[in-house]
């Protein structure tokens, strides 16, 4: 295994139809991280992901956005981990979370998937849920709207500034996880 390398996976759905939707905040956060660290995206056919490699404070990060739909994120995540020789403990998955208000973050290692089909597929493909997660809030659906419809909607203009700040925090949380560890990331970003 590459002891100095991290894999950071941003979950979302491919294509213009899904750009800037609630379900794509994980991919948006990873793209923001790439932009902040001057990463250049290229296609890795074997990993079935768009990839940008960056260095942050001497740490090598492989940033990946799977080319699959959210519910099929496991295969590309596992393929990228195998291709770049990254063990499960050094994988960070950024994803949307209905249980958090828009823009709020939580970082954790392992745990259940809480009905998130992207995480469920990654757990299955990796054979373990013990990777790090940056959970990015998208809020609960209004009224009786089904969750599947809510996650595919774009944020309201009134939410955009909060969401953008959350994406910036998510990129910062990834850097903190890599450079300082889980507890400092939780202390810094859970209180915001």
C-alpha atoms as a PDB file:
ATOM      1  CA  UNK A   1       0.000   0.000   0.000  1.00  0.00           C
ATOM      2  CA  UNK A   2       1.036   3.586  -0.626  1.00  0.00           C
ATOM      3  CA  UNK A   3       1.519   4.715   2.992  1.00  0.00           C
ATOM      4  CA  UNK A   4       1.587   8.424   2.148  1.00  0.00           C
ATOM      5  CA  UNK A   5      -1.415   8.574  -0.185  1.00  0.00           C
ATOM      6  CA  UNK A   6      -5.076   9.332   0.543  1.00  0.00           C
ATOM      7  CA  UNK A   7      -8.099   8.736  -1.676  1.00  0.00           C
ATOM      8  CA  UNK A   8     -10.839  11.375  -1.423  1.00  0.00           C
ATOM      9  CA  UNK A   9     -14.076  10.407  -3.186  1.00  0.00           C
ATOM     10  CA  UNK A  10     -16.837  12.905  -3.908  1.00  0.00           C
ATOM     11  CA  UNK A  11     -20.233  11.321  -4.484  1.00  0.00           C
ATOM     12  CA  UNK A  12     -22.777  12.583  -6.991  1.00  0.00           C
ATOM     13  CA  UNK A  13     -24.496  11.825 -10.261  1.00  0.00           C
ATOM     14  CA  UNK A  14     -22.856  12.493 -13.644  1.00  0.00           C
ATOM     15  CA  UNK A  15     -24.099  14.875 -16.300  1.00  0.00           C
ATOM     16  CA  UNK A  16     -25.458  18.393 -16.621  1.00  0.00           C
ATOM     17  CA  UNK A  17     -28.915  17.341 -15.480  1.00  0.00           C
ATOM     18  CA  UNK A  18     -27.573  16.729 -11.949  1.00  0.00           C
ATOM     19  CA  UNK A  19     -25.103  19.620 -11.658  1.00  0.00           C
ATOM     20  CA  UNK A  20     -25.510  21.614  -8.445  1.00  0.00           C
ATOM     21  CA  UNK A  21     -28.208  19.309  -7.071  1.00  0.00           C
ATOM     22  CA  UNK A  22     -28.339  18.380  -3.408  1.00  0.00           C
ATOM     23  CA  UNK A  23     -27.167  14.844  -4.178  1.00  0.00           C
ATOM     24  CA  UNK A  24     -23.977  16.225  -5.772  1.00  0.00           C
ATOM     25  CA  UNK A  25     -22.569  18.192  -2.830  1.00  0.00           C
ATOM     26  CA  UNK A  26     -19.923  15.514  -2.185  1.00  0.00           C
ATOM     27  CA  UNK A  27     -18.591  15.767  -5.739  1.00  0.00           C
ATOM     28  CA  UNK A  28     -18.848  19.575  -5.573  1.00  0.00           C
ATOM     29  CA  UNK A  29     -16.748  19.661  -2.381  1.00  0.00           C
ATOM     30  CA  UNK A  30     -14.031  17.481  -3.925  1.00  0.00           C
ATOM     31  CA  UNK A  31     -13.981  19.646  -7.072  1.00  0.00           C
ATOM     32  CA  UNK A  32     -13.604  22.711  -4.855  1.00  0.00           C
ATOM     33  CA  UNK A  33     -10.685  21.055  -3.049  1.00  0.00           C
ATOM     34  CA  UNK A  34      -9.031  20.341  -6.408  1.00  0.00           C
ATOM     35  CA  UNK A  35      -9.462  23.962  -7.504  1.00  0.00           C
ATOM     36  CA  UNK A  36      -8.022  25.294  -4.223  1.00  0.00           C
ATOM     37  CA  UNK A  37      -4.914  23.151  -4.667  1.00  0.00           C
ATOM     38  CA  UNK A  38      -4.549  23.638  -8.444  1.00  0.00           C
ATOM     39  CA  UNK A  39      -5.473  20.070  -9.322  1.00  0.00           C
ATOM     40  CA  UNK A  40      -6.012  19.175 -12.966  1.00  0.00           C
ATOM     41  CA  UNK A  41      -8.745  16.673 -13.739  1.00  0.00           C
ATOM     42  CA  UNK A  42      -8.207  13.721 -16.061  1.00  0.00           C
ATOM     43  CA  UNK A  43     -10.126  10.562 -16.782  1.00  0.00           C
ATOM     44  CA  UNK A  44      -8.903   7.257 -15.318  1.00  0.00           C
ATOM     45  CA  UNK A  45     -10.693   4.551 -17.315  1.00  0.00           C
ATOM     46  CA  UNK A  46      -9.591   1.731 -15.021  1.00  0.00           C
ATOM     47  CA  UNK A  47     -10.897   3.475 -11.922  1.00  0.00           C
ATOM     48  CA  UNK A  48     -13.978   4.780 -13.768  1.00  0.00           C
ATOM     49  CA  UNK A  49     -13.439   8.182 -12.161  1.00  0.00           C
ATOM     50  CA  UNK A  50     -12.321  11.678 -12.965  1.00  0.00           C
ATOM     51  CA  UNK A  51      -9.079  12.076 -11.012  1.00  0.00           C
ATOM     52  CA  UNK A  52      -7.014  15.026  -9.799  1.00  0.00           C
ATOM     53  CA  UNK A  53      -3.844  14.477  -7.807  1.00  0.00           C
ATOM     54  CA  UNK A  54      -2.779  17.210  -5.384  1.00  0.00           C
ATOM     55  CA  UNK A  55      -0.311  17.660  -2.556  1.00  0.00           C
ATOM     56  CA  UNK A  56      -1.391  19.265   0.722  1.00  0.00           C
ATOM     57  CA  UNK A  57       1.249  19.961   3.366  1.00  0.00           C
ATOM     58  CA  UNK A  58       3.375  17.083   2.058  1.00  0.00           C
ATOM     59  CA  UNK A  59       0.455  14.629   1.830  1.00  0.00           C
ATOM     60  CA  UNK A  60      -0.541  13.138  -1.525  1.00  0.00           C
ATOM     61  CA  UNK A  61      -4.272  13.206  -2.220  1.00  0.00           C
ATOM     62  CA  UNK A  62      -5.977  11.405  -5.074  1.00  0.00           C
ATOM     63  CA  UNK A  63      -9.266  13.218  -5.593  1.00  0.00           C
ATOM     64  CA  UNK A  64     -11.890  11.109  -7.357  1.00  0.00           C
ATOM     65  CA  UNK A  65     -15.372  11.722  -8.709  1.00  0.00           C
ATOM     66  CA  UNK A  66     -16.897   8.449  -9.956  1.00  0.00           C
ATOM     67  CA  UNK A  67     -18.444   8.505 -13.425  1.00  0.00           C
ATOM     68  CA  UNK A  68     -21.277   6.283 -12.204  1.00  0.00           C
ATOM     69  CA  UNK A  69     -24.590   7.219 -10.688  1.00  0.00           C
ATOM     70  CA  UNK A  70     -24.634   7.660  -6.924  1.00  0.00           C
ATOM     71  CA  UNK A  71     -26.096   4.214  -6.224  1.00  0.00           C
ATOM     72  CA  UNK A  72     -23.214   2.570  -8.112  1.00  0.00           C
ATOM     73  CA  UNK A  73     -20.331   4.430  -6.414  1.00  0.00           C
ATOM     74  CA  UNK A  74     -18.814   1.295  -4.874  1.00  0.00           C
ATOM     75  CA  UNK A  75     -17.203  -0.165  -7.995  1.00  0.00           C
ATOM     76  CA  UNK A  76     -15.359   3.041  -8.979  1.00  0.00           C
ATOM     77  CA  UNK A  77     -14.328   3.710  -5.358  1.00  0.00           C
ATOM     78  CA  UNK A  78     -12.925   0.201  -4.971  1.00  0.00           C
ATOM     79  CA  UNK A  79     -11.228   0.390  -8.395  1.00  0.00           C
ATOM     80  CA  UNK A  80      -9.588   3.729  -7.535  1.00  0.00           C
ATOM     81  CA  UNK A  81      -8.429   2.388  -4.148  1.00  0.00           C
ATOM     82  CA  UNK A  82      -6.896  -0.657  -5.863  1.00  0.00           C
ATOM     83  CA  UNK A  83      -5.310   1.338  -8.707  1.00  0.00           C
ATOM     84  CA  UNK A  84      -3.695   3.890  -6.363  1.00  0.00           C
ATOM     85  CA  UNK A  85      -2.984   1.302  -3.637  1.00  0.00           C
ATOM     86  CA  UNK A  86      -4.897   3.078  -0.874  1.00  0.00           C
ATOM     87  CA  UNK A  87      -6.157   1.086   2.120  1.00  0.00           C
ATOM     88  CA  UNK A  88      -9.679   1.581   3.482  1.00  0.00           C
ATOM     89  CA  UNK A  89      -8.439   3.517   6.529  1.00  0.00           C
ATOM     90  CA  UNK A  90      -7.045   6.220   4.182  1.00  0.00           C
ATOM     91  CA  UNK A  91     -10.208   6.706   2.127  1.00  0.00           C
ATOM     92  CA  UNK A  92     -12.391   9.774   2.728  1.00  0.00           C
ATOM     93  CA  UNK A  93     -15.868   9.866   1.184  1.00  0.00           C
ATOM     94  CA  UNK A  94     -17.681  13.212   0.891  1.00  0.00           C
ATOM     95  CA  UNK A  95     -21.455  12.830   0.581  1.00  0.00           C
ATOM     96  CA  UNK A  96     -24.837  14.464   1.105  1.00  0.00           C
ATOM     97  CA  UNK A  97     -26.754  13.952   4.338  1.00  0.00           C
ATOM     98  CA  UNK A  98     -30.505  14.535   4.780  1.00  0.00           C
ATOM     99  CA  UNK A  99     -30.222  14.625   8.574  1.00  0.00           C
ATOM    100  CA  UNK A 100     -28.105  17.793   8.610  1.00  0.00           C
ATOM    101  CA  UNK A 101     -29.250  21.303   7.761  1.00  0.00           C
ATOM    102  CA  UNK A 102     -27.846  22.715   4.503  1.00  0.00           C
ATOM    103  CA  UNK A 103     -24.187  23.595   4.857  1.00  0.00           C
ATOM    104  CA  UNK A 104     -23.652  21.790   8.191  1.00  0.00           C
ATOM    105  CA  UNK A 105     -20.887  19.180   8.417  1.00  0.00           C
ATOM    106  CA  UNK A 106     -20.049  16.102  10.408  1.00  0.00           C
ATOM    107  CA  UNK A 107     -16.925  13.985  10.123  1.00  0.00           C
ATOM    108  CA  UNK A 108     -16.711  10.401  11.272  1.00  0.00           C
ATOM    109  CA  UNK A 109     -15.109   7.048  10.645  1.00  0.00           C
ATOM    110  CA  UNK A 110     -17.266   4.043   9.825  1.00  0.00           C
ATOM    111  CA  UNK A 111     -20.774   3.453  10.985  1.00  0.00           C
ATOM    112  CA  UNK A 112     -23.965   2.661   9.143  1.00  0.00           C
ATOM    113  CA  UNK A 113     -25.136   4.017   5.819  1.00  0.00           C
ATOM    114  CA  UNK A 114     -28.440   5.460   7.165  1.00  0.00           C
ATOM    115  CA  UNK A 115     -30.226   4.465   3.961  1.00  0.00           C
ATOM    116  CA  UNK A 116     -27.718   6.251   1.713  1.00  0.00           C
ATOM    117  CA  UNK A 117     -27.448   3.955  -1.304  1.00  0.00           C
ATOM    118  CA  UNK A 118     -24.082   5.363  -2.394  1.00  0.00           C
ATOM    119  CA  UNK A 119     -22.531   4.515   0.974  1.00  0.00           C
ATOM    120  CA  UNK A 120     -24.250   1.124   0.999  1.00  0.00           C
ATOM    121  CA  UNK A 121     -22.654   0.312  -2.371  1.00  0.00           C
ATOM    122  CA  UNK A 122     -19.223   1.517  -1.200  1.00  0.00           C
ATOM    123  CA  UNK A 123     -19.463  -0.589   1.993  1.00  0.00           C
ATOM    124  CA  UNK A 124     -20.252  -3.632  -0.162  1.00  0.00           C
ATOM    125  CA  UNK A 125     -17.480  -2.995  -2.703  1.00  0.00           C
ATOM    126  CA  UNK A 126     -14.784  -2.252  -0.115  1.00  0.00           C
ATOM    127  CA  UNK A 127     -15.950  -5.028   2.209  1.00  0.00           C
ATOM    128  CA  UNK A 128     -15.811  -2.545   5.083  1.00  0.00           C
ATOM    129  CA  UNK A 129     -17.561   0.601   6.320  1.00  0.00           C
ATOM    130  CA  UNK A 130     -14.403   1.779   8.128  1.00  0.00           C
ATOM    131  CA  UNK A 131     -13.473   4.693   5.857  1.00  0.00           C
ATOM    132  CA  UNK A 132     -13.682   8.352   6.849  1.00  0.00           C
ATOM    133  CA  UNK A 133     -16.739  10.368   5.890  1.00  0.00           C
ATOM    134  CA  UNK A 134     -17.441  14.050   5.477  1.00  0.00           C
ATOM    135  CA  UNK A 135     -21.217  14.348   5.757  1.00  0.00           C
ATOM    136  CA  UNK A 136     -22.532  17.526   4.096  1.00  0.00           C
ATOM    137  CA  UNK A 137     -26.009  18.677   5.087  1.00  0.00           C
ATOM    138  CA  UNK A 138     -28.707  19.120   2.472  1.00  0.00           C
ATOM    139  CA  UNK A 139     -31.738  19.300   4.791  1.00  0.00           C
ATOM    140  CA  UNK A 140     -34.911  17.266   4.949  1.00  0.00           C
ATOM    141  CA  UNK A 141     -37.516  17.344   2.190  1.00  0.00           C
ATOM    142  CA  UNK A 142     -40.346  19.820   2.729  1.00  0.00           C
ATOM    143  CA  UNK A 143     -43.783  18.475   3.569  1.00  0.00           C
ATOM    144  CA  UNK A 144     -44.395  15.023   2.161  1.00  0.00           C
ATOM    145  CA  UNK A 145     -41.920  15.254  -0.689  1.00  0.00           C
ATOM    146  CA  UNK A 146     -40.139  11.909  -1.179  1.00  0.00           C
ATOM    147  CA  UNK A 147     -36.427  11.980  -0.296  1.00  0.00           C
ATOM    148  CA  UNK A 148     -35.539  10.709  -3.803  1.00  0.00           C
ATOM    149  CA  UNK A 149     -37.129  13.833  -5.321  1.00  0.00           C
ATOM    150  CA  UNK A 150     -35.592  16.188  -2.762  1.00  0.00           C
ATOM    151  CA  UNK A 151     -32.004  15.042  -3.300  1.00  0.00           C
ATOM    152  CA  UNK A 152     -32.275  15.665  -7.055  1.00  0.00           C
ATOM    153  CA  UNK A 153     -33.414  19.279  -6.604  1.00  0.00           C
ATOM    154  CA  UNK A 154     -31.146  22.294  -6.718  1.00  0.00           C
ATOM    155  CA  UNK A 155     -30.796  24.496  -3.660  1.00  0.00           C
ATOM    156  CA  UNK A 156     -33.034  27.541  -3.346  1.00  0.00           C
ATOM    157  CA  UNK A 157     -31.255  30.862  -4.007  1.00  0.00           C
ATOM    158  CA  UNK A 158     -31.680  31.755  -0.315  1.00  0.00           C
ATOM    159  CA  UNK A 159     -29.682  28.610   0.630  1.00  0.00           C
ATOM    160  CA  UNK A 160     -26.839  29.105  -1.864  1.00  0.00           C
ATOM    161  CA  UNK A 161     -24.478  31.184   0.331  1.00  0.00           C
ATOM    162  CA  UNK A 162     -24.871  28.730   3.220  1.00  0.00           C
ATOM    163  CA  UNK A 163     -24.249  25.760   0.937  1.00  0.00           C
ATOM    164  CA  UNK A 164     -21.195  27.397  -0.652  1.00  0.00           C
ATOM    165  CA  UNK A 165     -19.745  28.044   2.815  1.00  0.00           C
ATOM    166  CA  UNK A 166     -20.475  24.397   3.672  1.00  0.00           C
ATOM    167  CA  UNK A 167     -18.628  23.201   0.571  1.00  0.00           C
ATOM    168  CA  UNK A 168     -15.651  25.355   1.514  1.00  0.00           C
ATOM    169  CA  UNK A 169     -15.749  23.905   5.026  1.00  0.00           C
ATOM    170  CA  UNK A 170     -15.986  20.371   3.595  1.00  0.00           C
ATOM    171  CA  UNK A 171     -12.815  20.956   1.563  1.00  0.00           C
ATOM    172  CA  UNK A 172     -11.144  22.290   4.716  1.00  0.00           C
ATOM    173  CA  UNK A 173     -12.373  19.317   6.737  1.00  0.00           C
ATOM    174  CA  UNK A 174     -10.737  16.920   4.268  1.00  0.00           C
ATOM    175  CA  UNK A 175      -7.435  18.761   4.644  1.00  0.00           C
ATOM    176  CA  UNK A 176      -7.758  18.662   8.452  1.00  0.00           C
ATOM    177  CA  UNK A 177      -8.556  14.931   8.410  1.00  0.00           C
ATOM    178  CA  UNK A 178      -5.409  14.270   6.378  1.00  0.00           C
ATOM    179  CA  UNK A 179      -3.032  16.631   8.167  1.00  0.00           C
ATOM    180  CA  UNK A 180      -4.291  16.527  11.785  1.00  0.00           C
ATOM    181  CA  UNK A 181      -6.746  13.648  12.191  1.00  0.00           C
ATOM    182  CA  UNK A 182     -10.399  12.981  12.952  1.00  0.00           C
ATOM    183  CA  UNK A 183     -10.754  14.596  16.378  1.00  0.00           C
ATOM    184  CA  UNK A 184      -9.302  17.988  15.309  1.00  0.00           C
ATOM    185  CA  UNK A 185     -11.583  17.941  12.233  1.00  0.00           C
ATOM    186  CA  UNK A 186     -14.610  17.216  14.424  1.00  0.00           C
ATOM    187  CA  UNK A 187     -13.658  19.923  16.924  1.00  0.00           C
ATOM    188  CA  UNK A 188     -13.158  22.519  14.173  1.00  0.00           C
ATOM    189  CA  UNK A 189     -16.096  21.796  11.864  1.00  0.00           C
ATOM    190  CA  UNK A 190     -18.891  20.326  13.997  1.00  0.00           C
ATOM    191  CA  UNK A 191     -19.376  23.563  15.923  1.00  0.00           C
ATOM    192  CA  UNK A 192     -19.912  25.727  12.817  1.00  0.00           C
END
